[in-house]
PDB file of N, CA and C in Angstrom:
ATOM      1  N   MET A   1      -5.896 -11.729  53.889  1.00  0.00           N
ATOM      2  CA  MET A   1      -6.162 -12.457  52.680  1.00  0.00           C
ATOM      3  C   MET A   1      -7.060 -13.651  52.994  1.00  0.00           C
ATOM      4  N   TYR A   2      -6.725 -14.367  54.051  1.00  0.00           N
ATOM      5  CA  TYR A   2      -7.508 -15.538  54.414  1.00  0.00           C
ATOM      6  C   TYR A   2      -8.968 -15.160  54.668  1.00  0.00           C
ATOM      7  N   SER A   3      -9.193 -14.111  55.443  1.00  0.00           N
ATOM      8  CA  SER A   3     -10.563 -13.667  55.739  1.00  0.00           C
ATOM      9  C   SER A   3     -11.294 -13.278  54.459  1.00  0.00           C
ATOM     10  N   TYR A   4     -10.623 -12.572  53.579  1.00  0.00           N
ATOM     11  CA  TYR A   4     -11.224 -12.183  52.299  1.00  0.00           C
ATOM     12  C   TYR A   4     -11.608 -13.430  51.499  1.00  0.00           C
ATOM     13  N   LEU A   5     -10.702 -14.389  51.442  1.00  0.00           N
ATOM     14  CA  LEU A   5     -10.959 -15.596  50.652  1.00  0.00           C
ATOM     15  C   LEU A   5     -12.105 -16.426  51.204  1.00  0.00           C
ATOM     16  N   LEU A   6     -12.320 -16.369  52.507  1.00  0.00           N
ATOM     17  CA  LEU A   6     -13.429 -17.130  53.099  1.00  0.00           C
ATOM     18  C   LEU A   6     -14.791 -16.684  52.568  1.00  0.00           C
ATOM     19  N   ASP A   7     -14.852 -15.445  52.066  1.00  0.00           N
ATOM     20  CA  ASP A   7     -16.099 -14.972  51.446  1.00  0.00           C
ATOM     21  C   ASP A   7     -16.282 -15.533  50.041  1.00  0.00           C
ATOM     22  N   HIS A   8     -15.240 -16.203  49.527  1.00  0.00           N
ATOM     23  CA  HIS A   8     -15.270 -16.672  48.140  1.00  0.00           C
ATOM     24  C   HIS A   8     -15.027 -18.165  47.983  1.00  0.00           C
ATOM     25  N   THR A   9     -14.557 -18.825  49.034  1.00  0.00           N
ATOM     26  CA  THR A   9     -14.262 -20.251  48.938  1.00  0.00           C
ATOM     27  C   THR A   9     -14.276 -20.877  50.327  1.00  0.00           C
ATOM     28  N   ASP A  10     -14.013 -22.166  50.393  1.00  0.00           N
ATOM     29  CA  ASP A  10     -14.020 -22.868  51.685  1.00  0.00           C
ATOM     30  C   ASP A  10     -12.695 -22.662  52.426  1.00  0.00           C
ATOM     31  N   ALA A  11     -12.679 -23.011  53.709  1.00  0.00           N
ATOM     32  CA  ALA A  11     -11.527 -22.752  54.575  1.00  0.00           C
ATOM     33  C   ALA A  11     -10.271 -23.487  54.099  1.00  0.00           C
ATOM     34  N   GLU A  12     -10.418 -24.730  53.647  1.00  0.00           N
ATOM     35  CA  GLU A  12      -9.252 -25.491  53.194  1.00  0.00           C
ATOM     36  C   GLU A  12      -8.612 -24.842  51.963  1.00  0.00           C
ATOM     37  N   THR A  13      -9.434 -24.458  51.005  1.00  0.00           N
ATOM     38  CA  THR A  13      -8.915 -23.814  49.795  1.00  0.00           C
ATOM     39  C   THR A  13      -8.304 -22.459  50.132  1.00  0.00           C
ATOM     40  N   ALA A  14      -8.959 -21.690  50.987  1.00  0.00           N
ATOM     41  CA  ALA A  14      -8.423 -20.386  51.401  1.00  0.00           C
ATOM     42  C   ALA A  14      -7.055 -20.572  52.056  1.00  0.00           C
ATOM     43  N   GLY A  15      -6.925 -21.567  52.910  1.00  0.00           N
ATOM     44  CA  GLY A  15      -5.646 -21.836  53.570  1.00  0.00           C
ATOM     45  C   GLY A  15      -4.555 -22.202  52.575  1.00  0.00           C
ATOM     46  N   GLU A  16      -4.914 -22.995  51.574  1.00  0.00           N
ATOM     47  CA  GLU A  16      -3.932 -23.397  50.555  1.00  0.00           C
ATOM     48  C   GLU A  16      -3.500 -22.211  49.714  1.00  0.00           C
ATOM     49  N   ILE A  17      -4.446 -21.352  49.352  1.00  0.00           N
ATOM     50  CA  ILE A  17      -4.104 -20.163  48.569  1.00  0.00           C
ATOM     51  C   ILE A  17      -3.158 -19.269  49.363  1.00  0.00           C
ATOM     52  N   VAL A  18      -3.471 -19.019  50.622  1.00  0.00           N
ATOM     53  CA  VAL A  18      -2.611 -18.176  51.466  1.00  0.00           C
ATOM     54  C   VAL A  18      -1.222 -18.793  51.583  1.00  0.00           C
ATOM     55  N   SER A  19      -1.154 -20.094  51.759  1.00  0.00           N
ATOM     56  CA  SER A  19       0.128 -20.776  51.860  1.00  0.00           C
ATOM     57  C   SER A  19       0.944 -20.612  50.576  1.00  0.00           C
ATOM     58  N   GLN A  20       0.300 -20.801  49.437  1.00  0.00           N
ATOM     59  CA  GLN A  20       1.007 -20.669  48.158  1.00  0.00           C
ATOM     60  C   GLN A  20       1.471 -19.231  47.916  1.00  0.00           C
ATOM     61  N   VAL A  21       0.604 -18.267  48.173  1.00  0.00           N
ATOM     62  CA  VAL A  21       0.933 -16.868  47.884  1.00  0.00           C
ATOM     63  C   VAL A  21       2.031 -16.340  48.803  1.00  0.00           C
ATOM     64  N   TYR A  22       1.975 -16.666  50.086  1.00  0.00           N
ATOM     65  CA  TYR A  22       2.888 -16.046  51.042  1.00  0.00           C
ATOM     66  C   TYR A  22       4.073 -16.908  51.463  1.00  0.00           C
ATOM     67  N   HIS A  23       3.999 -18.224  51.249  1.00  0.00           N
ATOM     68  CA  HIS A  23       5.052 -19.079  51.791  1.00  0.00           C
ATOM     69  C   HIS A  23       5.706 -20.014  50.778  1.00  0.00           C
ATOM     70  N   SER A  24       5.094 -20.241  49.648  1.00  0.00           N
ATOM     71  CA  SER A  24       5.620 -21.202  48.689  1.00  0.00           C
ATOM     72  C   SER A  24       6.933 -20.732  48.086  1.00  0.00           C
ATOM     73  N   GLU A  25       7.871 -21.661  47.971  1.00  0.00           N
ATOM     74  CA  GLU A  25       9.136 -21.352  47.302  1.00  0.00           C
ATOM     75  C   GLU A  25       8.990 -21.439  45.782  1.00  0.00           C
ATOM     76  N   ASN A  26       7.842 -21.907  45.306  1.00  0.00           N
ATOM     77  CA  ASN A  26       7.610 -22.034  43.873  1.00  0.00           C
ATOM     78  C   ASN A  26       7.133 -20.733  43.244  1.00  0.00           C
ATOM     79  N   LEU A  27       6.715 -19.793  44.054  1.00  0.00           N
ATOM     80  CA  LEU A  27       6.168 -18.536  43.547  1.00  0.00           C
ATOM     81  C   LEU A  27       7.249 -17.469  43.529  1.00  0.00           C
ATOM     82  N   ASN A  28       7.409 -16.847  42.384  1.00  0.00           N
ATOM     83  CA  ASN A  28       8.385 -15.780  42.221  1.00  0.00           C
ATOM     84  C   ASN A  28       7.751 -14.474  42.693  1.00  0.00           C
ATOM     85  N   ARG A  29       8.396 -13.776  43.570  1.00  0.00           N
ATOM     86  CA  ARG A  29       7.851 -12.529  44.120  1.00  0.00           C
ATOM     87  C   ARG A  29       8.585 -11.283  43.621  1.00  0.00           C
ATOM     88  N   LEU A  30       9.289 -11.424  42.504  1.00  0.00           N
ATOM     89  CA  LEU A  30       9.987 -10.278  41.924  1.00  0.00           C
ATOM     90  C   LEU A  30       9.078  -9.545  40.947  1.00  0.00           C
ATOM     91  N   PHE A  31       9.363  -8.277  40.745  1.00  0.00           N
ATOM     92  CA  PHE A  31       8.635  -7.457  39.789  1.00  0.00           C
ATOM     93  C   PHE A  31       9.419  -7.392  38.489  1.00  0.00           C
ATOM     94  N   VAL A  32       8.745  -7.072  37.396  1.00  0.00           N
ATOM     95  CA  VAL A  32       9.416  -6.906  36.105  1.00  0.00           C
ATOM     96  C   VAL A  32      10.538  -5.882  36.250  1.00  0.00           C
ATOM     97  N   GLU A  33      10.278  -4.810  36.970  1.00  0.00           N
ATOM     98  CA  GLU A  33      11.293  -3.772  37.163  1.00  0.00           C
ATOM     99  C   GLU A  33      12.530  -4.322  37.878  1.00  0.00           C
ATOM    100  N   ASP A  34      12.353  -5.310  38.746  1.00  0.00           N
ATOM    101  CA  ASP A  34      13.503  -5.935  39.411  1.00  0.00           C
ATOM    102  C   ASP A  34      14.389  -6.638  38.382  1.00  0.00           C
ATOM    103  N   TYR A  35      13.758  -7.397  37.491  1.00  0.00           N
ATOM    104  CA  TYR A  35      14.527  -8.093  36.458  1.00  0.00           C
ATOM    105  C   TYR A  35      15.235  -7.100  35.555  1.00  0.00           C
ATOM    106  N   GLU A  36      14.545  -6.036  35.172  1.00  0.00           N
ATOM    107  CA  GLU A  36      15.179  -5.016  34.336  1.00  0.00           C
ATOM    108  C   GLU A  36      16.427  -4.466  35.014  1.00  0.00           C
ATOM    109  N   ALA A  37      16.329  -4.197  36.303  1.00  0.00           N
ATOM    110  CA  ALA A  37      17.475  -3.666  37.047  1.00  0.00           C
ATOM    111  C   ALA A  37      18.602  -4.691  37.141  1.00  0.00           C
ATOM    112  N   TYR A  38      18.270  -5.953  37.392  1.00  0.00           N
ATOM    113  CA  TYR A  38      19.303  -6.988  37.480  1.00  0.00           C
ATOM    114  C   TYR A  38      20.064  -7.110  36.167  1.00  0.00           C
ATOM    115  N   PHE A  39      19.337  -7.138  35.061  1.00  0.00           N
ATOM    116  CA  PHE A  39      20.008  -7.252  33.771  1.00  0.00           C
ATOM    117  C   PHE A  39      20.769  -5.976  33.418  1.00  0.00           C
ATOM    118  N   ARG A  40      20.220  -4.836  33.725  1.00  0.00           N
ATOM    119  CA  ARG A  40      20.891  -3.561  33.467  1.00  0.00           C
ATOM    120  C   ARG A  40      22.226  -3.497  34.222  1.00  0.00           C
ATOM    121  N   ASN A  41      22.260  -4.070  35.411  1.00  0.00           N
ATOM    122  CA  ASN A  41      23.464  -4.037  36.243  1.00  0.00           C
ATOM    123  C   ASN A  41      24.347  -5.274  36.072  1.00  0.00           C
ATOM    124  N   SER A  42      24.010  -6.115  35.121  1.00  0.00           N
ATOM    125  CA  SER A  42      24.802  -7.322  34.886  1.00  0.00           C
ATOM    126  C   SER A  42      25.931  -7.040  33.908  1.00  0.00           C
ATOM    127  N   ARG A  43      26.718  -8.054  33.633  1.00  0.00           N
ATOM    128  CA  ARG A  43      27.805  -7.930  32.656  1.00  0.00           C
ATOM    129  C   ARG A  43      27.328  -8.219  31.236  1.00  0.00           C
ATOM    130  N   PHE A  44      26.053  -8.557  31.081  1.00  0.00           N
ATOM    131  CA  PHE A  44      25.530  -8.820  29.745  1.00  0.00           C
ATOM    132  C   PHE A  44      25.392  -7.517  28.972  1.00  0.00           C
ATOM    133  N   SER A  45      25.462  -7.621  27.656  1.00  0.00           N
ATOM    134  CA  SER A  45      25.205  -6.461  26.801  1.00  0.00           C
ATOM    135  C   SER A  45      24.041  -6.822  25.882  1.00  0.00           C
ATOM    136  N   GLY A  46      23.392  -5.818  25.354  1.00  0.00           N
ATOM    137  CA  GLY A  46      22.303  -6.066  24.418  1.00  0.00           C
ATOM    138  C   GLY A  46      21.177  -6.902  24.990  1.00  0.00           C
ATOM    139  N   VAL A  47      20.808  -6.660  26.214  1.00  0.00           N
ATOM    140  CA  VAL A  47      19.731  -7.422  26.866  1.00  0.00           C
ATOM    141  C   VAL A  47      18.378  -6.946  26.344  1.00  0.00           C
ATOM    142  N   SER A  48      17.516  -7.903  26.021  1.00  0.00           N
ATOM    143  CA  SER A  48      16.129  -7.562  25.697  1.00  0.00           C
ATOM    144  C   SER A  48      15.221  -8.493  26.479  1.00  0.00           C
ATOM    145  N   LEU A  49      14.184  -7.936  27.049  1.00  0.00           N
ATOM    146  CA  LEU A  49      13.181  -8.709  27.779  1.00  0.00           C
ATOM    147  C   LEU A  49      11.898  -8.680  26.969  1.00  0.00           C
ATOM    148  N   GLU A  50      11.337  -9.852  26.735  1.00  0.00           N
ATOM    149  CA  GLU A  50      10.121  -9.971  25.940  1.00  0.00           C
ATOM    150  C   GLU A  50       9.130 -10.866  26.664  1.00  0.00           C
ATOM    151  N   SER A  51       7.861 -10.649  26.403  1.00  0.00           N
ATOM    152  CA  SER A  51       6.837 -11.567  26.891  1.00  0.00           C
ATOM    153  C   SER A  51       6.837 -12.791  25.989  1.00  0.00           C
ATOM    154  N   PHE A  52       6.729 -13.981  26.565  1.00  0.00           N
ATOM    155  CA  PHE A  52       6.632 -15.162  25.723  1.00  0.00           C
ATOM    156  C   PHE A  52       5.221 -15.757  25.737  1.00  0.00           C
ATOM    157  N   VAL A  53       4.357 -15.138  26.491  1.00  0.00           N
ATOM    158  CA  VAL A  53       2.921 -15.437  26.458  1.00  0.00           C
ATOM    159  C   VAL A  53       2.204 -14.095  26.473  1.00  0.00           C
ATOM    160  N   PRO A  54       0.978 -14.046  25.996  1.00  0.00           N
ATOM    161  CA  PRO A  54       0.273 -12.748  25.984  1.00  0.00           C
ATOM    162  C   PRO A  54       0.158 -12.134  27.383  1.00  0.00           C
ATOM    163  N   ASP A  55       0.337 -10.827  27.446  1.00  0.00           N
ATOM    164  CA  ASP A  55       0.146 -10.098  28.700  1.00  0.00           C
ATOM    165  C   ASP A  55      -1.331 -10.096  29.071  1.00  0.00           C
ATOM    166  N   VAL A  56      -1.597  -9.970  30.344  1.00  0.00           N
ATOM    167  CA  VAL A  56      -2.971  -9.869  30.851  1.00  0.00           C
ATOM    168  C   VAL A  56      -3.062  -8.563  31.629  1.00  0.00           C
ATOM    169  N   ASP A  57      -3.613  -7.540  30.990  1.00  0.00           N
ATOM    170  CA  ASP A  57      -3.690  -6.233  31.630  1.00  0.00           C
ATOM    171  C   ASP A  57      -4.756  -6.211  32.718  1.00  0.00           C
ATOM    172  N   PRO A  58      -4.378  -5.771  33.932  1.00  0.00           N
ATOM    173  CA  PRO A  58      -5.383  -5.657  34.989  1.00  0.00           C
ATOM    174  C   PRO A  58      -6.349  -4.513  34.677  1.00  0.00           C
ATOM    175  N   PRO A  59      -7.563  -4.589  35.184  1.00  0.00           N
ATOM    176  CA  PRO A  59      -8.493  -3.463  35.016  1.00  0.00           C
ATOM    177  C   PRO A  59      -7.874  -2.191  35.601  1.00  0.00           C
ATOM    178  N   PRO A  60      -8.238  -1.022  35.070  1.00  0.00           N
ATOM    179  CA  PRO A  60      -7.620   0.242  35.519  1.00  0.00           C
ATOM    180  C   PRO A  60      -7.638   0.447  37.027  1.00  0.00           C
ATOM    181  N   GLU A  61      -8.741   0.108  37.692  1.00  0.00           N
ATOM    182  CA  GLU A  61      -8.796   0.318  39.150  1.00  0.00           C
ATOM    183  C   GLU A  61      -7.827  -0.602  39.880  1.00  0.00           C
ATOM    184  N   VAL A  62      -7.628  -1.808  39.368  1.00  0.00           N
ATOM    185  CA  VAL A  62      -6.663  -2.735  39.962  1.00  0.00           C
ATOM    186  C   VAL A  62      -5.245  -2.233  39.712  1.00  0.00           C
ATOM    187  N   GLN A  63      -4.979  -1.755  38.502  1.00  0.00           N
ATOM    188  CA  GLN A  63      -3.668  -1.186  38.171  1.00  0.00           C
ATOM    189  C   GLN A  63      -3.334  -0.038  39.117  1.00  0.00           C
ATOM    190  N   ARG A  64      -4.275   0.861  39.338  1.00  0.00           N
ATOM    191  CA  ARG A  64      -4.046   2.003  40.243  1.00  0.00           C
ATOM    192  C   ARG A  64      -3.734   1.528  41.659  1.00  0.00           C
ATOM    193  N   GLU A  65      -4.472   0.547  42.123  1.00  0.00           N
ATOM    194  CA  GLU A  65      -4.254   0.039  43.482  1.00  0.00           C
ATOM    195  C   GLU A  65      -2.897  -0.658  43.593  1.00  0.00           C
ATOM    196  N   LEU A  66      -2.531  -1.426  42.584  1.00  0.00           N
ATOM    197  CA  LEU A  66      -1.224  -2.079  42.599  1.00  0.00           C
ATOM    198  C   LEU A  66      -0.094  -1.056  42.612  1.00  0.00           C
ATOM    199  N   GLU A  67      -0.240  -0.004  41.811  1.00  0.00           N
ATOM    200  CA  GLU A  67       0.773   1.054  41.805  1.00  0.00           C
ATOM    201  C   GLU A  67       0.841   1.770  43.155  1.00  0.00           C
ATOM    202  N   ARG A  68      -0.303   1.935  43.795  1.00  0.00           N
ATOM    203  CA  ARG A  68      -0.329   2.575  45.117  1.00  0.00           C
ATOM    204  C   ARG A  68       0.376   1.686  46.150  1.00  0.00           C
ATOM    205  N   LEU A  69       0.110   0.401  46.085  1.00  0.00           N
ATOM    206  CA  LEU A  69       0.690  -0.537  47.046  1.00  0.00           C
ATOM    207  C   LEU A  69       2.166  -0.813  46.802  1.00  0.00           C
ATOM    208  N   HIS A  70       2.608  -0.625  45.552  1.00  0.00           N
ATOM    209  CA  HIS A  70       3.989  -0.935  45.177  1.00  0.00           C
ATOM    210  C   HIS A  70       4.596   0.259  44.443  1.00  0.00           C
ATOM    211  N   PRO A  71       4.946   1.318  45.178  1.00  0.00           N
ATOM    212  CA  PRO A  71       5.481   2.532  44.552  1.00  0.00           C
ATOM    213  C   PRO A  71       6.666   2.226  43.633  1.00  0.00           C
ATOM    214  N   GLY A  72       6.665   2.881  42.476  1.00  0.00           N
ATOM    215  CA  GLY A  72       7.736   2.687  41.514  1.00  0.00           C
ATOM    216  C   GLY A  72       7.529   1.513  40.582  1.00  0.00           C
ATOM    217  N   ARG A  73       6.524   0.729  40.833  1.00  0.00           N
ATOM    218  CA  ARG A  73       6.220  -0.427  39.987  1.00  0.00           C
ATOM    219  C   ARG A  73       5.015  -0.098  39.120  1.00  0.00           C
ATOM    220  N   GLN A  74       5.077  -0.474  37.847  1.00  0.00           N
ATOM    221  CA  GLN A  74       3.973  -0.196  36.937  1.00  0.00           C
ATOM    222  C   GLN A  74       3.606  -1.378  36.057  1.00  0.00           C
ATOM    223  N   GLN A  75       4.499  -2.345  35.937  1.00  0.00           N
ATOM    224  CA  GLN A  75       4.279  -3.457  35.011  1.00  0.00           C
ATOM    225  C   GLN A  75       3.687  -4.655  35.750  1.00  0.00           C
ATOM    226  N   PHE A  76       2.390  -4.789  35.693  1.00  0.00           N
ATOM    227  CA  PHE A  76       1.698  -5.877  36.389  1.00  0.00           C
ATOM    228  C   PHE A  76       0.999  -6.829  35.425  1.00  0.00           C
ATOM    229  N   SER A  77       1.275  -6.695  34.136  1.00  0.00           N
ATOM    230  CA  SER A  77       0.556  -7.501  33.156  1.00  0.00           C
ATOM    231  C   SER A  77       1.344  -8.705  32.649  1.00  0.00           C
ATOM    232  N   LYS A  78       2.616  -8.794  32.992  1.00  0.00           N
ATOM    233  CA  LYS A  78       3.457  -9.877  32.480  1.00  0.00           C
ATOM    234  C   LYS A  78       3.169 -11.192  33.191  1.00  0.00           C
ATOM    235  N   ILE A  79       3.024 -12.238  32.399  1.00  0.00           N
ATOM    236  CA  ILE A  79       2.880 -13.580  32.953  1.00  0.00           C
ATOM    237  C   ILE A  79       4.225 -14.295  32.908  1.00  0.00           C
ATOM    238  N   GLY A  80       4.997 -14.021  31.880  1.00  0.00           N
ATOM    239  CA  GLY A  80       6.312 -14.623  31.738  1.00  0.00           C
ATOM    240  C   GLY A  80       7.226 -13.709  30.949  1.00  0.00           C
ATOM    241  N   ILE A  81       8.519 -13.823  31.219  1.00  0.00           N
ATOM    242  CA  ILE A  81       9.501 -12.980  30.544  1.00  0.00           C
ATOM    243  C   ILE A  81      10.575 -13.868  29.937  1.00  0.00           C
ATOM    244  N   LEU A  82      10.937 -13.567  28.707  1.00  0.00           N
ATOM    245  CA  LEU A  82      12.056 -14.215  28.035  1.00  0.00           C
ATOM    246  C   LEU A  82      13.175 -13.185  27.958  1.00  0.00           C
ATOM    247  N   ALA A  83      14.322 -13.521  28.511  1.00  0.00           N
ATOM    248  CA  ALA A  83      15.477 -12.618  28.469  1.00  0.00           C
ATOM    249  C   ALA A  83      16.457 -13.119  27.405  1.00  0.00           C
ATOM    250  N   ARG A  84      16.803 -12.237  26.492  1.00  0.00           N
ATOM    251  CA  ARG A  84      17.828 -12.532  25.491  1.00  0.00           C
ATOM    252  C   ARG A  84      19.029 -11.673  25.853  1.00  0.00           C
ATOM    253  N   CYS A  85      20.143 -12.346  26.130  1.00  0.00           N
ATOM    254  CA  CYS A  85      21.315 -11.638  26.606  1.00  0.00           C
ATOM    255  C   CYS A  85      22.525 -11.995  25.740  1.00  0.00           C
ATOM    256  N   HIS A  86      23.378 -11.019  25.572  1.00  0.00           N
ATOM    257  CA  HIS A  86      24.624 -11.221  24.844  1.00  0.00           C
ATOM    258  C   HIS A  86      25.776 -11.064  25.825  1.00  0.00           C
ATOM    259  N   LYS A  87      26.719 -11.948  25.687  1.00  0.00           N
ATOM    260  CA  LYS A  87      27.893 -11.890  26.547  1.00  0.00           C
ATOM    261  C   LYS A  87      28.693 -10.634  26.223  1.00  0.00           C
ATOM    262  N   ALA A  88      29.095  -9.909  27.235  1.00  0.00           N
ATOM    263  CA  ALA A  88      29.845  -8.662  27.027  1.00  0.00           C
ATOM    264  C   ALA A  88      31.252  -8.967  26.545  1.00  0.00           C
TER     265      ALA A  88
END
C-alpha cells in the first residue's frame, strides 16, 4: 500500500494513510455481513439495518476485485449503518 501511495502522494502522507488503514483503533474493519450475523445471533428480535447516509457504490471492476479479495462479502457501498433493535 505504501509503495502504491508513493505514486500518488508524498512519503509523509503515504505513511499516515498506511498507519490509519492498518493500525488505527478508530477505523472499523468489520463488514456489513459481520454486523448482520452479530444481530442475527443476538437476543434482539425484529432487527433492521438501514443506511443513514447515502451508499456509495464502487465501480463494477472495484466491486469484483473486492469480492475476489473478500470471499462471501458483497456489500461494499455502506458508509454507515443504523441498527434498530427490539428487545426479545
